[in-house]
C-alpha cells in the first residue's frame, strides 16, 4: 500500500504552492482544492506540507522502535 499525504479540503485556499513544489507531480488542484493523485511516485519528501500556509496538507509518519 502506497502512503499518500493527508489533505483537509476545508483548509485549502487553492493557492497551489504545494503543487508547484512537488517534485513528483503527486498533487493537482481540482476546483481550487488540493487533490492527491494516486501514484507511487510520492517519495514523502514533505515539501508540500512545509509550504502550505493553511496547513491543509500533511505527511505524517509513524516512528517504529524495534525491541531487542
N, C-alpha and C. Protein backbone atom coordinates (compact mmCIF):
# COMPACT_ATOMS: atom_id res chain seq x y z
N UNK A 1 0.84 -1.19 0.00
CA UNK A 1 0.00 0.00 0.00
C UNK A 1 0.89 1.25 0.00
N UNK A 2 0.63 2.14 -0.92
CA UNK A 2 1.37 3.39 -1.01
C UNK A 2 0.73 4.39 -0.06
N UNK A 3 1.54 5.01 0.76
CA UNK A 3 1.04 6.02 1.68
C UNK A 3 1.06 7.36 0.98
N UNK A 4 -0.04 8.10 1.08
CA UNK A 4 -0.16 9.39 0.41
C UNK A 4 -0.35 10.48 1.46
N UNK A 5 0.01 11.72 1.12
CA UNK A 5 -0.22 12.83 2.05
C UNK A 5 -1.70 12.95 2.39
N UNK A 6 -1.97 13.43 3.59
CA UNK A 6 -3.34 13.68 4.03
C UNK A 6 -3.73 15.10 3.65
N UNK A 7 -4.97 15.28 3.23
CA UNK A 7 -5.46 16.59 2.81
C UNK A 7 -6.74 16.92 3.55
N UNK A 8 -6.84 18.18 4.01
CA UNK A 8 -8.05 18.70 4.61
C UNK A 8 -8.59 19.76 3.66
N UNK A 9 -9.52 19.37 2.76
CA UNK A 9 -10.03 20.29 1.73
C UNK A 9 -10.62 21.58 2.29
N UNK A 10 -11.22 21.51 3.46
CA UNK A 10 -11.83 22.70 4.05
C UNK A 10 -10.80 23.75 4.47
N UNK A 11 -9.55 23.35 4.62
CA UNK A 11 -8.48 24.29 4.96
C UNK A 11 -7.77 24.85 3.73
N UNK A 12 -7.94 24.20 2.58
CA UNK A 12 -7.21 24.58 1.37
C UNK A 12 -7.77 25.88 0.79
N UNK A 13 -6.86 26.84 0.52
CA UNK A 13 -7.28 28.10 -0.09
C UNK A 13 -7.00 28.14 -1.59
N UNK A 14 -6.52 27.03 -2.15
CA UNK A 14 -6.31 26.95 -3.59
C UNK A 14 -5.11 27.70 -4.11
N UNK A 15 -4.16 28.02 -3.26
CA UNK A 15 -3.00 28.82 -3.69
C UNK A 15 -2.08 28.07 -4.65
N UNK A 16 -2.03 26.75 -4.56
CA UNK A 16 -1.23 25.95 -5.48
C UNK A 16 0.25 25.86 -5.15
N UNK A 17 0.67 26.41 -4.02
CA UNK A 17 2.09 26.34 -3.67
C UNK A 17 2.59 24.90 -3.59
N UNK A 18 1.79 24.03 -3.01
CA UNK A 18 2.20 22.62 -2.86
C UNK A 18 2.35 21.94 -4.22
N UNK A 19 1.47 22.27 -5.15
CA UNK A 19 1.54 21.69 -6.49
C UNK A 19 2.84 22.13 -7.17
N UNK A 20 3.18 23.39 -6.99
CA UNK A 20 4.36 23.94 -7.63
C UNK A 20 5.68 23.37 -7.12
N UNK A 21 5.71 22.94 -5.85
CA UNK A 21 6.96 22.44 -5.29
C UNK A 21 7.08 20.91 -5.31
N UNK A 22 6.01 20.22 -5.62
CA UNK A 22 6.04 18.75 -5.61
C UNK A 22 6.94 18.23 -6.74
N UNK A 23 8.05 17.58 -6.39
CA UNK A 23 8.97 17.11 -7.42
C UNK A 23 8.47 15.88 -8.17
N UNK A 24 7.38 15.29 -7.70
CA UNK A 24 6.90 14.03 -8.29
C UNK A 24 5.52 14.15 -8.94
N UNK A 25 5.01 15.38 -9.06
CA UNK A 25 3.69 15.60 -9.68
C UNK A 25 2.60 14.76 -9.04
N UNK A 26 2.64 14.65 -7.71
CA UNK A 26 1.65 13.85 -6.99
C UNK A 26 0.45 14.67 -6.54
N UNK A 27 0.47 15.98 -6.81
CA UNK A 27 -0.60 16.87 -6.37
C UNK A 27 -1.15 17.67 -7.53
N UNK A 28 -2.46 17.90 -7.50
CA UNK A 28 -3.11 18.75 -8.50
C UNK A 28 -4.19 19.58 -7.82
N UNK A 29 -4.57 20.67 -8.45
CA UNK A 29 -5.71 21.45 -7.98
C UNK A 29 -6.92 21.05 -8.81
N UNK A 30 -7.99 20.70 -8.14
CA UNK A 30 -9.26 20.40 -8.80
C UNK A 30 -10.32 21.28 -8.15
N UNK A 31 -10.87 22.19 -8.93
CA UNK A 31 -11.85 23.11 -8.37
C UNK A 31 -11.27 23.96 -7.26
N UNK A 32 -10.00 24.36 -7.41
CA UNK A 32 -9.28 25.17 -6.42
C UNK A 32 -9.11 24.48 -5.07
N UNK A 33 -9.11 23.17 -5.06
CA UNK A 33 -8.86 22.38 -3.85
C UNK A 33 -7.76 21.38 -4.17
N UNK A 34 -6.80 21.26 -3.28
CA UNK A 34 -5.70 20.33 -3.49
C UNK A 34 -6.20 18.89 -3.49
N UNK A 35 -5.68 18.11 -4.41
CA UNK A 35 -6.03 16.71 -4.52
C UNK A 35 -4.75 15.91 -4.73
N UNK A 36 -4.66 14.80 -4.04
CA UNK A 36 -3.50 13.92 -4.18
C UNK A 36 -3.79 12.93 -5.30
N UNK A 37 -2.88 12.84 -6.24
CA UNK A 37 -3.01 11.90 -7.34
C UNK A 37 -2.56 10.53 -6.84
N UNK A 38 -3.35 9.52 -7.08
CA UNK A 38 -2.96 8.18 -6.69
C UNK A 38 -1.74 7.77 -7.52
N UNK A 39 -0.61 7.77 -6.89
CA UNK A 39 0.63 7.50 -7.60
C UNK A 39 1.63 6.85 -6.66
N UNK A 40 2.54 6.12 -7.21
CA UNK A 40 3.59 5.53 -6.38
C UNK A 40 4.87 6.35 -6.47
N UNK A 41 4.78 7.54 -7.08
CA UNK A 41 5.97 8.36 -7.21
C UNK A 41 6.20 9.29 -6.02
N UNK A 42 5.20 9.45 -5.15
CA UNK A 42 5.36 10.28 -3.96
C UNK A 42 6.43 9.63 -3.08
N UNK A 43 7.50 10.37 -2.82
CA UNK A 43 8.58 9.81 -2.01
C UNK A 43 8.61 10.41 -0.60
N UNK A 44 7.50 11.03 -0.21
CA UNK A 44 7.32 11.50 1.16
C UNK A 44 8.35 12.55 1.53
N UNK A 45 8.64 13.45 0.59
CA UNK A 45 9.66 14.48 0.84
C UNK A 45 9.18 15.55 1.82
N UNK A 46 7.89 15.71 1.99
CA UNK A 46 7.22 16.63 2.91
C UNK A 46 7.34 18.11 2.53
N UNK A 47 7.84 18.40 1.34
CA UNK A 47 7.96 19.79 0.91
C UNK A 47 6.57 20.43 0.79
N UNK A 48 5.59 19.68 0.32
CA UNK A 48 4.23 20.21 0.19
C UNK A 48 3.69 20.65 1.55
N UNK A 49 3.94 19.86 2.55
CA UNK A 49 3.49 20.20 3.90
C UNK A 49 4.18 21.47 4.39
N UNK A 50 5.46 21.60 4.11
CA UNK A 50 6.23 22.75 4.59
C UNK A 50 5.78 24.08 3.99
N UNK A 51 5.32 24.07 2.73
CA UNK A 51 4.95 25.33 2.07
C UNK A 51 3.48 25.71 2.24
N UNK A 52 2.66 24.83 2.75
CA UNK A 52 1.22 25.11 2.84
C UNK A 52 0.94 26.14 3.94
N UNK A 53 0.44 27.32 3.55
CA UNK A 53 0.20 28.38 4.54
C UNK A 53 -1.01 28.12 5.44
N UNK A 54 -1.89 27.20 5.02
CA UNK A 54 -3.10 26.94 5.82
C UNK A 54 -3.06 25.56 6.49
N UNK A 55 -1.97 24.87 6.34
CA UNK A 55 -1.80 23.52 6.92
C UNK A 55 -2.89 22.56 6.45
N UNK A 56 -3.18 22.64 5.17
CA UNK A 56 -4.22 21.79 4.58
C UNK A 56 -3.67 20.45 4.12
N UNK A 57 -2.37 20.27 4.18
CA UNK A 57 -1.76 19.02 3.72
C UNK A 57 -0.70 18.59 4.74
N UNK A 58 -0.65 17.29 4.98
CA UNK A 58 0.32 16.78 5.95
C UNK A 58 0.85 15.43 5.51
N UNK A 59 2.09 15.19 5.88
CA UNK A 59 2.73 13.91 5.60
C UNK A 59 3.15 13.29 6.93
N UNK A 60 2.18 12.77 7.66
CA UNK A 60 2.52 12.19 8.97
C UNK A 60 3.31 10.90 8.80
N UNK A 61 4.09 10.60 9.77
CA UNK A 61 4.84 9.36 9.73
C UNK A 61 4.78 8.71 11.10
N UNK A 62 5.03 7.46 11.12
CA UNK A 62 4.98 6.69 12.35
C UNK A 62 6.40 6.29 12.72
N UNK A 63 6.75 6.52 13.96
CA UNK A 63 8.05 6.12 14.45
C UNK A 63 7.91 4.72 15.04
N UNK A 64 8.71 3.81 14.51
CA UNK A 64 8.67 2.43 14.98
C UNK A 64 9.98 2.11 15.66
N UNK A 65 9.89 1.65 16.90
CA UNK A 65 11.09 1.27 17.64
C UNK A 65 11.05 -0.24 17.80
N UNK A 66 12.04 -0.89 17.26
CA UNK A 66 12.08 -2.34 17.36
C UNK A 66 12.77 -2.75 18.65
N UNK A 67 12.17 -3.73 19.32
CA UNK A 67 12.75 -4.23 20.56
C UNK A 67 13.92 -5.15 20.30
N UNK A 68 14.69 -5.35 21.32
CA UNK A 68 15.87 -6.21 21.17
C UNK A 68 15.51 -7.65 21.43
